Protein backbone atom coordinates (compact mmCIF):
# COMPACT_ATOMS: atom_id res chain seq x y z
CA GLY A 1 -89.48 38.15 -10.97
CA ASP A 2 -90.03 38.15 -14.72
CA VAL A 3 -93.66 37.32 -15.51
CA SER A 4 -93.44 37.88 -19.27
CA THR A 5 -93.98 35.06 -21.75
CA LYS A 6 -92.13 34.50 -25.01
CA THR A 7 -94.62 33.99 -27.84
CA ALA A 8 -94.37 33.78 -31.61
CA GLY A 9 -94.39 37.06 -33.52
CA LEU A 10 -96.23 37.92 -36.72
CA ALA A 11 -93.07 37.39 -38.76
CA THR A 12 -92.74 33.85 -37.40
CA ALA A 13 -96.36 33.04 -38.21
CA LYS A 14 -96.12 34.39 -41.76
CA ILE A 15 -92.86 32.56 -42.43
CA LEU A 16 -94.54 29.37 -41.21
CA PHE A 17 -97.42 30.00 -43.64
CA ASN A 18 -94.87 30.35 -46.45
CA SER A 19 -93.23 27.13 -45.34
CA ILE A 20 -96.59 25.31 -45.47
CA ILE A 21 -97.37 26.27 -49.07
CA SER A 22 -93.75 25.58 -50.05
CA THR A 23 -93.68 22.03 -48.64
CA PRO A 24 -95.29 19.31 -50.81
CA GLY A 25 -98.15 17.62 -48.96
CA ALA A 26 -98.11 20.08 -46.04
CA LYS A 27 -101.30 21.59 -44.65
CA CYS A 28 -102.29 23.95 -41.87
CA MET A 29 -104.68 23.58 -38.98
CA VAL A 30 -105.40 25.88 -36.05
CA ALA A 31 -106.01 24.85 -32.44
CA ASP A 32 -106.89 26.75 -29.30
CA ILE A 33 -106.70 25.87 -25.60
CA LYS A 34 -109.81 26.71 -23.59
CA ASP A 35 -109.36 28.56 -20.26
CA PHE A 36 -105.59 28.49 -20.67
CA TYR A 37 -104.72 30.71 -17.69
CA LEU A 38 -106.92 28.85 -15.23
CA ASN A 39 -106.03 26.14 -12.71
CA THR A 40 -102.28 26.02 -13.31
CA PRO A 41 -100.67 24.79 -10.05
CA MET A 42 -98.59 27.43 -8.27
CA GLY A 43 -95.38 26.67 -6.44
CA ARG A 44 -95.92 29.71 -4.20
CA TYR A 45 -99.38 30.79 -3.15
CA GLU A 46 -100.61 34.37 -3.46
CA TYR A 47 -103.12 36.26 -1.32
CA MET A 48 -105.94 38.69 -2.02
CA LYS A 49 -108.60 40.51 -0.04
CA ILE A 50 -112.12 41.04 -1.40
CA PRO A 51 -114.46 43.76 -0.02
CA VAL A 52 -117.55 42.16 1.44
CA ASP A 53 -119.85 44.71 -0.18
CA ILE A 54 -119.06 43.39 -3.68
CA ILE A 55 -119.69 39.73 -2.80
CA PRO A 56 -123.28 38.64 -3.60
CA ALA A 57 -125.33 37.42 -0.64
CA THR A 58 -125.84 34.04 -2.29
CA ILE A 59 -122.07 33.53 -2.48
CA MET A 60 -121.63 34.64 1.14
CA GLU A 61 -124.23 32.07 2.20
CA GLN A 62 -123.12 29.24 -0.09
CA TYR A 63 -119.49 29.35 1.08
CA LYS A 64 -120.29 30.41 4.66
CA LEU A 65 -118.10 33.49 4.43
CA ALA A 66 -119.73 35.56 7.18
CA ASP A 67 -117.49 34.08 9.87
CA LEU A 68 -114.39 34.84 7.77
CA VAL A 69 -114.94 38.58 7.40
CA HIS A 70 -112.17 40.74 8.89
CA ASN A 71 -112.36 44.54 8.82
CA GLY A 72 -114.82 44.42 5.94
CA PHE A 73 -112.81 42.00 3.79
CA VAL A 74 -112.64 38.29 3.05
CA TYR A 75 -109.06 37.11 2.61
CA VAL A 76 -108.35 34.55 -0.10
CA GLU A 77 -105.48 32.15 -0.70
CA ILE A 78 -104.80 31.68 -4.43
CA ARG A 79 -103.43 28.21 -5.16
CA LYS A 80 -103.94 27.97 -8.93
CA GLY A 81 -103.72 30.30 -11.92
CA MET A 82 -106.53 32.80 -12.45
CA TYR A 83 -107.23 35.83 -14.61
CA GLY A 84 -105.75 39.03 -13.22
CA LEU A 85 -102.79 37.28 -11.63
CA PRO A 86 -99.63 38.82 -13.21
CA GLN A 87 -97.74 35.51 -13.39
CA ALA A 88 -100.72 33.43 -14.61
CA GLY A 89 -99.63 33.56 -18.25
CA ARG A 90 -96.03 32.70 -17.44
CA LEU A 91 -97.02 29.76 -15.20
CA ALA A 92 -99.45 28.40 -17.80
CA ASN A 93 -96.89 28.73 -20.59
CA ASP A 94 -94.12 27.07 -18.57
CA ALA A 95 -96.42 24.13 -17.80
CA LEU A 96 -97.45 23.81 -21.46
CA VAL A 97 -93.86 23.94 -22.77
CA ALA A 98 -92.77 21.30 -20.24
CA HIS A 99 -95.67 19.01 -21.21
CA LEU A 100 -94.87 19.40 -24.91
CA ALA A 101 -91.17 18.68 -24.31
CA THR A 102 -91.92 15.37 -22.59
CA ASN A 103 -93.71 14.32 -25.78
CA GLY A 104 -90.97 15.35 -28.20
CA TYR A 105 -92.09 18.89 -29.10
CA ILE A 106 -89.16 21.23 -28.55
CA GLN A 107 -89.14 25.02 -28.78
CA ASP A 108 -86.55 26.49 -31.13
CA ALA A 109 -83.54 27.87 -29.31
CA HIS A 110 -83.48 31.10 -31.34
CA THR A 111 -87.09 31.76 -32.42
CA HIS A 112 -89.66 32.35 -29.69
CA GLY A 113 -92.88 30.40 -29.99
CA LEU A 114 -91.71 28.08 -32.80
CA PHE A 115 -91.89 24.38 -31.98
CA LYS A 116 -90.85 21.26 -33.89
CA HIS A 117 -91.08 17.57 -33.10
CA LYS A 118 -87.87 15.59 -32.76
CA THR A 119 -88.89 13.02 -35.41
CA LEU A 120 -92.35 13.78 -36.83
CA PRO A 121 -92.92 16.10 -39.84
CA ILE A 122 -94.82 18.69 -37.83
CA ALA A 123 -94.14 22.21 -36.57
CA PHE A 124 -96.25 24.95 -35.05
CA CYS A 125 -96.08 28.49 -33.76
CA LEU A 126 -97.69 29.37 -30.46
CA VAL A 127 -99.17 32.74 -29.47
CA VAL A 128 -100.44 32.48 -25.87
CA ASP A 129 -102.87 29.56 -26.38
CA ASP A 130 -103.32 29.68 -30.17
CA PHE A 131 -101.55 27.10 -32.34
CA ALA A 132 -100.90 27.40 -36.08
CA VAL A 133 -99.78 23.90 -37.07
CA LYS A 134 -97.88 22.78 -40.14
CA TYR A 135 -98.26 19.04 -40.67
CA VAL A 136 -97.56 16.49 -43.37
CA GLY A 137 -100.07 13.71 -42.77
CA LYS A 138 -103.15 14.13 -40.58
CA LYS A 139 -102.00 11.42 -38.17
CA HIS A 140 -99.16 13.67 -37.03
CA ALA A 141 -101.54 16.54 -36.29
CA ASP A 142 -103.73 14.06 -34.40
CA HIS A 143 -100.68 13.10 -32.33
CA LEU A 144 -100.17 16.72 -31.26
CA LEU A 145 -103.86 17.10 -30.39
CA SER A 146 -103.82 13.88 -28.34
CA VAL A 147 -100.84 15.18 -26.38
CA LEU A 148 -102.59 18.49 -25.69
CA ARG A 149 -105.85 16.80 -24.71
CA GLU A 150 -104.07 14.92 -21.95
CA LYS A 151 -104.12 18.19 -19.97
CA TYR A 152 -106.32 20.69 -21.82
CA THR A 153 -109.65 21.20 -23.56
CA ILE A 154 -108.89 21.89 -27.23
CA SER A 155 -110.90 23.43 -30.07
CA THR A 156 -109.75 22.92 -33.66
CA ASP A 157 -110.18 24.45 -37.10
CA TRP A 158 -108.90 22.05 -39.75
CA GLU A 159 -109.45 24.62 -42.50
CA ALA A 160 -107.26 27.16 -40.65
CA LYS A 161 -109.43 30.11 -41.59
CA LEU A 162 -108.36 32.50 -38.82
CA TYR A 163 -105.18 33.00 -36.79
CA CYS A 164 -104.22 35.97 -34.61
CA GLY A 165 -106.68 38.25 -36.39
CA LEU A 166 -105.52 37.16 -39.86
CA THR A 167 -108.09 35.65 -42.21
CA LEU A 168 -106.42 32.87 -44.21
CA LYS A 169 -107.53 31.45 -47.55
CA TRP A 170 -105.54 28.36 -48.55
CA ASP A 171 -104.99 27.02 -52.07
CA TYR A 172 -102.67 24.06 -51.54
CA ARG A 173 -102.86 22.93 -55.17
CA ASN A 174 -101.43 26.21 -56.46
CA ARG A 175 -99.38 26.79 -53.28
CA ILE A 176 -101.00 30.10 -52.43
CA VAL A 177 -102.27 31.51 -49.16
CA ASP A 178 -104.09 34.84 -49.10
CA LEU A 179 -103.96 36.89 -45.90
CA SER A 180 -106.56 39.55 -45.18
CA MET A 181 -108.16 41.45 -42.32
CA PRO A 182 -111.67 42.24 -43.58
CA GLY A 183 -113.21 45.33 -42.04
CA TYR A 184 -110.20 46.09 -39.81
CA VAL A 185 -109.47 49.56 -41.19
CA ALA A 186 -113.14 50.57 -41.47
CA GLU A 187 -113.75 49.51 -37.86
CA ALA A 188 -110.67 51.43 -36.70
CA LEU A 189 -111.86 54.59 -38.46
CA ARG A 190 -115.26 54.23 -36.77
CA ARG A 191 -113.60 53.60 -33.40
CA PHE A 192 -111.53 56.78 -33.63
CA LEU A 193 -114.41 58.81 -35.12
CA HIS A 194 -112.31 59.72 -38.15
CA PRO A 195 -114.39 61.54 -40.81
CA ASP A 196 -114.02 60.66 -44.47
CA PRO A 197 -111.82 63.31 -46.11
CA THR A 198 -113.27 65.34 -48.98
CA ARG A 199 -110.05 64.69 -50.88
CA PRO A 200 -108.22 61.35 -50.45
CA GLN A 201 -104.90 61.76 -48.67
CA HIS A 202 -102.42 58.91 -49.09
CA LEU A 203 -99.72 60.34 -46.84
CA PRO A 204 -99.35 60.67 -43.08
CA HIS A 205 -99.60 64.45 -43.49
CA SER A 206 -100.88 66.97 -46.02
CA TRP A 207 -98.68 67.62 -49.06
CA LEU A 208 -96.91 70.97 -49.06
CA LYS A 209 -96.87 72.18 -52.63
CA PRO A 210 -93.51 73.63 -53.79
CA ASN A 211 -93.42 77.14 -55.19
CA TYR A 212 -92.60 76.18 -58.75
CA GLY A 213 -90.43 78.67 -60.65
CA ALA A 214 -89.09 80.34 -57.54
CA ARG A 215 -85.30 80.48 -57.25
CA THR A 216 -85.47 79.97 -53.51
CA GLN A 217 -87.69 77.42 -51.76
CA PHE A 218 -88.32 78.60 -48.22
CA ALA A 219 -88.57 76.16 -45.34
CA THR A 220 -91.97 75.67 -43.81
CA PRO A 221 -92.51 77.62 -40.59
CA ASP A 222 -92.04 75.87 -37.28
CA ASP A 223 -95.05 74.19 -35.74
CA ASP A 224 -96.05 76.37 -32.80
CA SER A 225 -99.17 74.44 -31.83
CA PRO A 226 -99.36 73.56 -28.11
CA PRO A 227 -98.07 70.15 -26.92
CA MET A 228 -100.64 67.39 -26.59
CA ASP A 229 -102.16 66.74 -23.20
CA ALA A 230 -102.34 63.28 -21.62
CA ALA A 231 -105.68 62.40 -23.26
CA ASP A 232 -104.48 63.35 -26.75
CA THR A 233 -101.21 61.49 -26.22
CA LEU A 234 -103.11 58.33 -25.24
CA ARG A 235 -105.35 58.67 -28.28
CA LEU A 236 -102.32 59.00 -30.56
CA GLN A 237 -100.76 55.90 -28.99
CA LYS A 238 -103.97 53.94 -29.61
CA VAL A 239 -104.14 55.04 -33.24
CA VAL A 240 -100.49 54.15 -33.83
CA GLY A 241 -100.90 50.78 -32.10
CA VAL A 242 -103.99 49.78 -34.07
CA PHE A 243 -102.51 50.67 -37.45
CA LEU A 244 -99.03 49.43 -36.59
CA TYR A 245 -100.49 45.94 -36.13
CA PHE A 246 -102.25 46.23 -39.50
CA GLY A 247 -99.06 47.47 -41.13
CA ARG A 248 -96.98 44.61 -39.72
CA ALA A 249 -99.65 42.02 -40.51
CA MET A 250 -100.91 43.14 -43.90
CA ASP A 251 -99.57 46.34 -45.47
CA SER A 252 -95.83 46.67 -45.07
CA THR A 253 -95.86 49.97 -47.02
CA MET A 254 -97.65 51.54 -44.05
């Protein structure tokens, strides 16, 4: 079946930030669920086999696994969510959404990951287990946290300094929020071993200078370089992915 999870996108988060600074008295706080994927009850159990030679002797002894070895493996029944299980995120999200709904927090029918309360002046966007919360009155944010703490361990940042890789600087008095990603581009250039150019180039490719004064401008010759192999293709995909996120989050001109 479908194991994907609908979460809020960057556009939703940034529109929520705009809504916060546009609403008199509104503020932002960020919350995070600890060990979100773990221990979610499963309606149907899964099974896994673990090679004995990767299980430490202390674990074999502590759980008396020697008598359970079959053909060099220990077979395991998985009854709750765990990392590496494809449906773990979906199960955890379904359980969270159901718990929120019983307490009046309803997900928008048209915008994934955007929740509002039926009566309280509070809304939030959810990306996996990260909450960006818009609230008017701290008691309403405390209500959301109390609901979450009924089932989860929660960490909070009342200054809302960081969300989904975005560094946030709030000025509620002047209704301004600055978004930045300090060091993101420099780290990406180091990661991909990209040398500093001798001449700055502000285009995706080198500029082809026209032949000024010529009556006819000839087309550039076809690119006859060999196709990229699998390794180069993967590298290109990584570069595009890293900078696409930065472009969507920070620099729309990119």
